[in-house]
Amino acid sequence: MPRFLERDEAERAEPIEPYPWDGVENLRLLSELQETVVVGVY
């Protein structure tokens, strides 16, 4: 959505043989938000 800050970051994962597209790994909260965001189960 426009003007909504993403609160997650990740690293690019290289494609592998059965799945020939890029992926993501090491998902985490943005470094700047780790002190202010409460993560819970919704």
Protein backbone atom coordinates (compact mmCIF):
# COMPACT_ATOMS: atom_id res chain seq x y z
CA MET A 1 0.00 0.00 0.00
CA PRO A 2 1.30 3.47 -0.76
CA ARG A 3 2.81 5.37 2.16
CA PHE A 4 2.87 2.31 4.42
CA LEU A 5 6.31 1.56 5.80
CA GLU A 6 7.47 -2.02 5.44
CA ARG A 7 8.44 -3.39 8.84
CA ASP A 8 10.26 -6.51 7.65
CA GLU A 9 13.55 -7.06 5.85
CA ALA A 10 15.16 -10.16 4.38
CA GLU A 11 18.03 -11.34 2.24
CA ARG A 12 17.77 -12.66 -1.30
CA ALA A 13 18.00 -16.44 -1.64
CA GLU A 14 19.43 -17.88 -4.83
CA PRO A 15 17.17 -20.16 -6.92
CA ILE A 16 17.55 -23.91 -6.46
CA GLU A 17 16.99 -26.70 -8.97
CA PRO A 18 13.33 -27.60 -8.24
CA TYR A 19 12.36 -23.90 -7.79
CA PRO A 20 14.00 -21.70 -10.45
CA TRP A 21 12.97 -18.33 -8.96
CA ASP A 22 14.48 -16.08 -6.30
CA GLY A 23 13.38 -16.43 -2.71
CA VAL A 24 14.03 -14.77 0.63
CA GLU A 25 15.79 -15.93 3.79
CA ASN A 26 16.68 -14.55 7.21
CA LEU A 27 13.40 -12.68 7.66
CA ARG A 28 13.44 -10.16 10.51
CA LEU A 29 12.07 -6.83 11.64
CA LEU A 30 13.72 -3.74 10.22
CA SER A 31 16.77 -2.96 12.33
CA GLU A 32 15.42 0.54 13.09
CA LEU A 33 12.14 -0.86 14.48
CA GLN A 34 13.37 -3.73 16.63
CA GLU A 35 13.19 -1.67 19.82
CA THR A 36 9.74 -0.19 19.22
CA VAL A 37 7.62 -2.95 17.64
CA VAL A 38 5.88 -5.62 19.72
CA VAL A 39 5.57 -8.91 17.84
CA GLY A 40 2.78 -11.26 18.84
CA VAL A 41 0.32 -13.82 17.60
CA TYR A 42 -2.83 -12.37 16.10
